[in-house]
Amino acid sequence: MKSTGIVRKVDELGRVVIPVELRKVLAIKEKDPIEIFVDGNQIILKKYMSYNECIVTGDITPQNREYAKGLVLSPRGAEILKNEIEFKFNIKA
């Protein structure tokens, strides 16, 4: 585990603020769900990703497919990704 050197206090309601620098690096936006794990005496926070959630759109559909060890795409997400690749590399797939 890597230390950030950032220390925050728990407020009277039990809340801890995640610094904006970390939220930017980890792509955590306001109202994003955070999953909480306990490992011995450590509390681990992780951006929550719903099972079978498209990494591009966030859609959860029965048509979603998993590729490359955990990369989940919805049909719409796959189309967006395909268009981005075609545009970036100037190709037509």
N, C-alpha and C. Protein backbone atom coordinates (compact mmCIF):
# COMPACT_ATOMS: atom_id res chain seq x y z
N MET A 1 0.86 -1.17 0.00
CA MET A 1 0.00 0.00 0.00
C MET A 1 0.90 1.23 0.00
N LYS A 2 0.54 2.25 -0.79
CA LYS A 2 1.34 3.45 -0.94
C LYS A 2 0.77 4.58 -0.08
N SER A 3 1.61 5.23 0.72
CA SER A 3 1.17 6.34 1.56
C SER A 3 1.11 7.62 0.73
N THR A 4 0.06 8.42 0.96
CA THR A 4 -0.07 9.70 0.27
C THR A 4 0.48 10.84 1.11
N GLY A 5 0.65 10.60 2.40
CA GLY A 5 1.10 11.66 3.30
C GLY A 5 -0.03 12.59 3.71
N ILE A 6 -1.24 12.31 3.27
CA ILE A 6 -2.40 13.14 3.59
C ILE A 6 -3.08 12.58 4.83
N VAL A 7 -3.37 13.47 5.79
CA VAL A 7 -4.05 13.07 7.02
C VAL A 7 -5.32 13.90 7.15
N ARG A 8 -6.42 13.25 7.45
CA ARG A 8 -7.70 13.92 7.66
C ARG A 8 -8.29 13.45 8.99
N LYS A 9 -9.04 14.34 9.64
CA LYS A 9 -9.71 13.98 10.89
C LYS A 9 -11.15 13.56 10.61
N VAL A 10 -11.66 12.69 11.45
CA VAL A 10 -13.06 12.29 11.40
C VAL A 10 -13.86 13.38 12.10
N ASP A 11 -14.92 13.88 11.45
CA ASP A 11 -15.72 14.93 12.08
C ASP A 11 -16.72 14.32 13.07
N GLU A 12 -17.53 15.17 13.71
CA GLU A 12 -18.44 14.71 14.76
C GLU A 12 -19.52 13.77 14.26
N LEU A 13 -19.75 13.74 12.94
CA LEU A 13 -20.73 12.82 12.35
C LEU A 13 -20.07 11.57 11.78
N GLY A 14 -18.77 11.41 11.98
CA GLY A 14 -18.05 10.23 11.50
C GLY A 14 -17.59 10.33 10.06
N ARG A 15 -17.63 11.52 9.49
CA ARG A 15 -17.26 11.70 8.08
C ARG A 15 -15.77 12.02 7.93
N VAL A 16 -15.23 11.58 6.80
CA VAL A 16 -13.86 11.89 6.41
C VAL A 16 -13.91 12.43 4.98
N VAL A 17 -13.22 13.53 4.74
CA VAL A 17 -13.20 14.12 3.40
C VAL A 17 -12.06 13.50 2.59
N ILE A 18 -12.38 13.04 1.38
CA ILE A 18 -11.35 12.55 0.46
C ILE A 18 -10.85 13.75 -0.32
N PRO A 19 -9.55 14.06 -0.21
CA PRO A 19 -9.02 15.26 -0.87
C PRO A 19 -9.27 15.28 -2.38
N VAL A 20 -9.50 16.47 -2.91
CA VAL A 20 -9.80 16.64 -4.33
C VAL A 20 -8.71 16.05 -5.22
N GLU A 21 -7.46 16.14 -4.80
CA GLU A 21 -6.36 15.60 -5.61
C GLU A 21 -6.52 14.09 -5.81
N LEU A 22 -6.90 13.40 -4.74
CA LEU A 22 -7.11 11.95 -4.84
C LEU A 22 -8.35 11.62 -5.65
N ARG A 23 -9.40 12.41 -5.47
CA ARG A 23 -10.63 12.18 -6.23
C ARG A 23 -10.38 12.34 -7.73
N LYS A 24 -9.57 13.32 -8.09
CA LYS A 24 -9.24 13.52 -9.51
C LYS A 24 -8.44 12.34 -10.05
N VAL A 25 -7.41 11.94 -9.33
CA VAL A 25 -6.56 10.83 -9.77
C VAL A 25 -7.36 9.54 -9.90
N LEU A 26 -8.29 9.31 -8.98
CA LEU A 26 -9.06 8.07 -8.96
C LEU A 26 -10.41 8.17 -9.69
N ALA A 27 -10.64 9.33 -10.34
CA ALA A 27 -11.88 9.57 -11.10
C ALA A 27 -13.12 9.35 -10.24
N ILE A 28 -13.10 9.87 -9.03
CA ILE A 28 -14.25 9.80 -8.13
C ILE A 28 -14.96 11.15 -8.20
N LYS A 29 -16.22 11.11 -8.64
CA LYS A 29 -17.00 12.33 -8.76
C LYS A 29 -17.98 12.43 -7.60
N GLU A 30 -18.53 13.63 -7.42
CA GLU A 30 -19.53 13.85 -6.38
C GLU A 30 -20.68 12.86 -6.59
N LYS A 31 -21.11 12.26 -5.51
CA LYS A 31 -22.21 11.29 -5.46
C LYS A 31 -21.84 9.91 -5.99
N ASP A 32 -20.57 9.67 -6.37
CA ASP A 32 -20.14 8.32 -6.75
C ASP A 32 -20.20 7.43 -5.52
N PRO A 33 -20.67 6.20 -5.67
CA PRO A 33 -20.69 5.29 -4.53
C PRO A 33 -19.28 4.79 -4.21
N ILE A 34 -18.99 4.66 -2.93
CA ILE A 34 -17.70 4.17 -2.44
C ILE A 34 -17.96 2.91 -1.64
N GLU A 35 -17.21 1.86 -1.93
CA GLU A 35 -17.34 0.60 -1.20
C GLU A 35 -16.32 0.60 -0.07
N ILE A 36 -16.71 0.09 1.09
CA ILE A 36 -15.86 0.09 2.28
C ILE A 36 -15.49 -1.34 2.64
N PHE A 37 -14.18 -1.59 2.79
CA PHE A 37 -13.67 -2.90 3.18
C PHE A 37 -12.90 -2.76 4.49
N VAL A 38 -12.82 -3.83 5.24
CA VAL A 38 -12.01 -3.87 6.45
C VAL A 38 -11.02 -5.02 6.30
N ASP A 39 -9.74 -4.73 6.55
CA ASP A 39 -8.68 -5.74 6.48
C ASP A 39 -7.87 -5.61 7.76
N GLY A 40 -8.18 -6.46 8.73
CA GLY A 40 -7.53 -6.33 10.04
C GLY A 40 -7.95 -5.01 10.67
N ASN A 41 -6.97 -4.14 10.94
CA ASN A 41 -7.29 -2.83 11.53
C ASN A 41 -7.27 -1.72 10.50
N GLN A 42 -7.34 -2.08 9.22
CA GLN A 42 -7.33 -1.07 8.14
C GLN A 42 -8.72 -0.93 7.52
N ILE A 43 -9.06 0.30 7.17
CA ILE A 43 -10.29 0.59 6.42
C ILE A 43 -9.85 0.93 5.01
N ILE A 44 -10.42 0.25 4.03
CA ILE A 44 -10.06 0.46 2.63
C ILE A 44 -11.29 0.98 1.89
N LEU A 45 -11.13 2.11 1.21
CA LEU A 45 -12.20 2.69 0.42
C LEU A 45 -11.91 2.43 -1.05
N LYS A 46 -12.95 2.03 -1.81
CA LYS A 46 -12.78 1.74 -3.22
C LYS A 46 -13.99 2.27 -3.96
N LYS A 47 -13.74 2.90 -5.12
CA LYS A 47 -14.86 3.34 -5.93
C LYS A 47 -15.68 2.11 -6.29
N TYR A 48 -16.97 2.16 -6.01
CA TYR A 48 -17.84 1.00 -6.22
C TYR A 48 -18.17 0.85 -7.70
N MET A 49 -17.98 -0.34 -8.20
CA MET A 49 -18.36 -0.68 -9.57
C MET A 49 -19.36 -1.83 -9.48
N SER A 50 -20.56 -1.58 -9.92
CA SER A 50 -21.58 -2.60 -9.91
C SER A 50 -21.19 -3.75 -10.83
N TYR A 51 -21.55 -4.95 -10.46
CA TYR A 51 -21.27 -6.11 -11.29
C TYR A 51 -21.90 -5.90 -12.66
N ASN A 52 -21.13 -6.16 -13.69
CA ASN A 52 -21.59 -6.08 -15.07
C ASN A 52 -21.89 -4.66 -15.53
N GLU A 53 -21.27 -3.65 -14.91
CA GLU A 53 -21.47 -2.26 -15.29
C GLU A 53 -20.50 -1.88 -16.40
N CYS A 54 -21.00 -1.26 -17.45
CA CYS A 54 -20.17 -0.84 -18.58
C CYS A 54 -19.17 0.21 -18.11
N ILE A 55 -17.91 0.00 -18.43
CA ILE A 55 -16.85 0.91 -18.01
C ILE A 55 -16.94 2.26 -18.74
N VAL A 56 -17.59 2.31 -19.89
CA VAL A 56 -17.70 3.54 -20.68
C VAL A 56 -18.95 4.33 -20.31
N THR A 57 -20.09 3.65 -20.25
CA THR A 57 -21.37 4.35 -20.06
C THR A 57 -21.98 4.20 -18.67
N GLY A 58 -21.55 3.17 -17.94
CA GLY A 58 -22.16 2.88 -16.65
C GLY A 58 -23.45 2.08 -16.76
N ASP A 59 -23.85 1.75 -18.00
CA ASP A 59 -25.08 0.98 -18.23
C ASP A 59 -24.95 -0.43 -17.66
N ILE A 60 -26.04 -0.93 -17.12
CA ILE A 60 -26.12 -2.33 -16.69
C ILE A 60 -27.26 -2.95 -17.48
N THR A 61 -26.90 -3.78 -18.46
CA THR A 61 -27.90 -4.41 -19.31
C THR A 61 -27.59 -5.90 -19.45
N PRO A 62 -28.58 -6.70 -19.80
CA PRO A 62 -28.32 -8.12 -20.02
C PRO A 62 -27.38 -8.36 -21.21
N GLN A 63 -27.26 -7.37 -22.10
CA GLN A 63 -26.41 -7.51 -23.28
C GLN A 63 -24.95 -7.16 -23.01
N ASN A 64 -24.63 -6.66 -21.80
CA ASN A 64 -23.24 -6.32 -21.49
C ASN A 64 -22.37 -7.56 -21.61
N ARG A 65 -21.15 -7.37 -22.07
CA ARG A 65 -20.20 -8.47 -22.22
C ARG A 65 -18.89 -8.11 -21.56
N GLU A 66 -18.22 -9.12 -21.01
CA GLU A 66 -16.93 -8.92 -20.36
C GLU A 66 -15.81 -9.30 -21.33
N TYR A 67 -14.82 -8.43 -21.44
CA TYR A 67 -13.66 -8.65 -22.30
C TYR A 67 -12.39 -8.44 -21.48
N ALA A 68 -11.33 -9.06 -21.88
CA ALA A 68 -9.99 -8.79 -21.34
C ALA A 68 -9.96 -8.68 -19.82
N LYS A 69 -10.41 -9.72 -19.15
CA LYS A 69 -10.27 -9.82 -17.70
C LYS A 69 -10.89 -8.65 -16.95
N GLY A 70 -12.19 -8.50 -17.03
CA GLY A 70 -12.88 -7.50 -16.22
C GLY A 70 -13.33 -6.25 -16.94
N LEU A 71 -13.01 -6.10 -18.21
CA LEU A 71 -13.45 -4.94 -18.98
C LEU A 71 -14.86 -5.23 -19.49
N VAL A 72 -15.86 -4.55 -18.93
CA VAL A 72 -17.26 -4.79 -19.29
C VAL A 72 -17.73 -3.66 -20.19
N LEU A 73 -18.36 -4.04 -21.31
CA LEU A 73 -18.91 -3.06 -22.25
C LEU A 73 -20.36 -3.38 -22.55
N SER A 74 -21.19 -2.33 -22.57
CA SER A 74 -22.56 -2.45 -23.04
C SER A 74 -22.51 -2.30 -24.56
N PRO A 75 -23.59 -2.63 -25.25
CA PRO A 75 -23.59 -2.40 -26.70
C PRO A 75 -23.30 -0.93 -27.05
N ARG A 76 -23.89 -0.02 -26.29
CA ARG A 76 -23.65 1.41 -26.54
C ARG A 76 -22.20 1.79 -26.23
N GLY A 77 -21.66 1.24 -25.14
CA GLY A 77 -20.26 1.50 -24.77
C GLY A 77 -19.30 0.96 -25.81
N ALA A 78 -19.61 -0.23 -26.35
CA ALA A 78 -18.76 -0.82 -27.38
C ALA A 78 -18.79 0.05 -28.64
N GLU A 79 -19.96 0.58 -28.98
CA GLU A 79 -20.07 1.45 -30.16
C GLU A 79 -19.28 2.75 -29.95
N ILE A 80 -19.38 3.34 -28.77
CA ILE A 80 -18.62 4.55 -28.47
C ILE A 80 -17.13 4.28 -28.56
N LEU A 81 -16.69 3.18 -27.98
CA LEU A 81 -15.27 2.81 -28.01
C LEU A 81 -14.81 2.56 -29.44
N LYS A 82 -15.61 1.85 -30.23
CA LYS A 82 -15.28 1.59 -31.63
C LYS A 82 -15.12 2.90 -32.39
N ASN A 83 -16.04 3.84 -32.20
CA ASN A 83 -15.97 5.14 -32.89
C ASN A 83 -14.72 5.91 -32.47
N GLU A 84 -14.39 5.87 -31.20
CA GLU A 84 -13.19 6.56 -30.72
C GLU A 84 -11.92 5.97 -31.35
N ILE A 85 -11.86 4.65 -31.43
CA ILE A 85 -10.70 3.99 -32.03
C ILE A 85 -10.61 4.34 -33.51
N GLU A 86 -11.73 4.27 -34.20
CA GLU A 86 -11.74 4.63 -35.63
C GLU A 86 -11.27 6.06 -35.84
N PHE A 87 -11.74 6.97 -35.00
CA PHE A 87 -11.37 8.38 -35.13
C PHE A 87 -9.89 8.58 -34.81
N LYS A 88 -9.44 8.00 -33.70
CA LYS A 88 -8.06 8.19 -33.25
C LYS A 88 -7.05 7.65 -34.26
N PHE A 89 -7.35 6.48 -34.83
CA PHE A 89 -6.40 5.84 -35.74
C PHE A 89 -6.77 6.00 -37.22
N ASN A 90 -7.82 6.80 -37.46
CA ASN A 90 -8.25 7.10 -38.83
C ASN A 90 -8.48 5.81 -39.64
N ILE A 91 -9.25 4.90 -39.05
CA ILE A 91 -9.56 3.63 -39.70
C ILE A 91 -11.07 3.41 -39.69
N LYS A 92 -11.54 2.51 -40.50
CA LYS A 92 -12.96 2.13 -40.48
C LYS A 92 -13.02 0.64 -40.23
N ALA A 93 -13.59 0.27 -39.06
CA ALA A 93 -13.65 -1.16 -38.68
C ALA A 93 -14.93 -1.78 -39.17
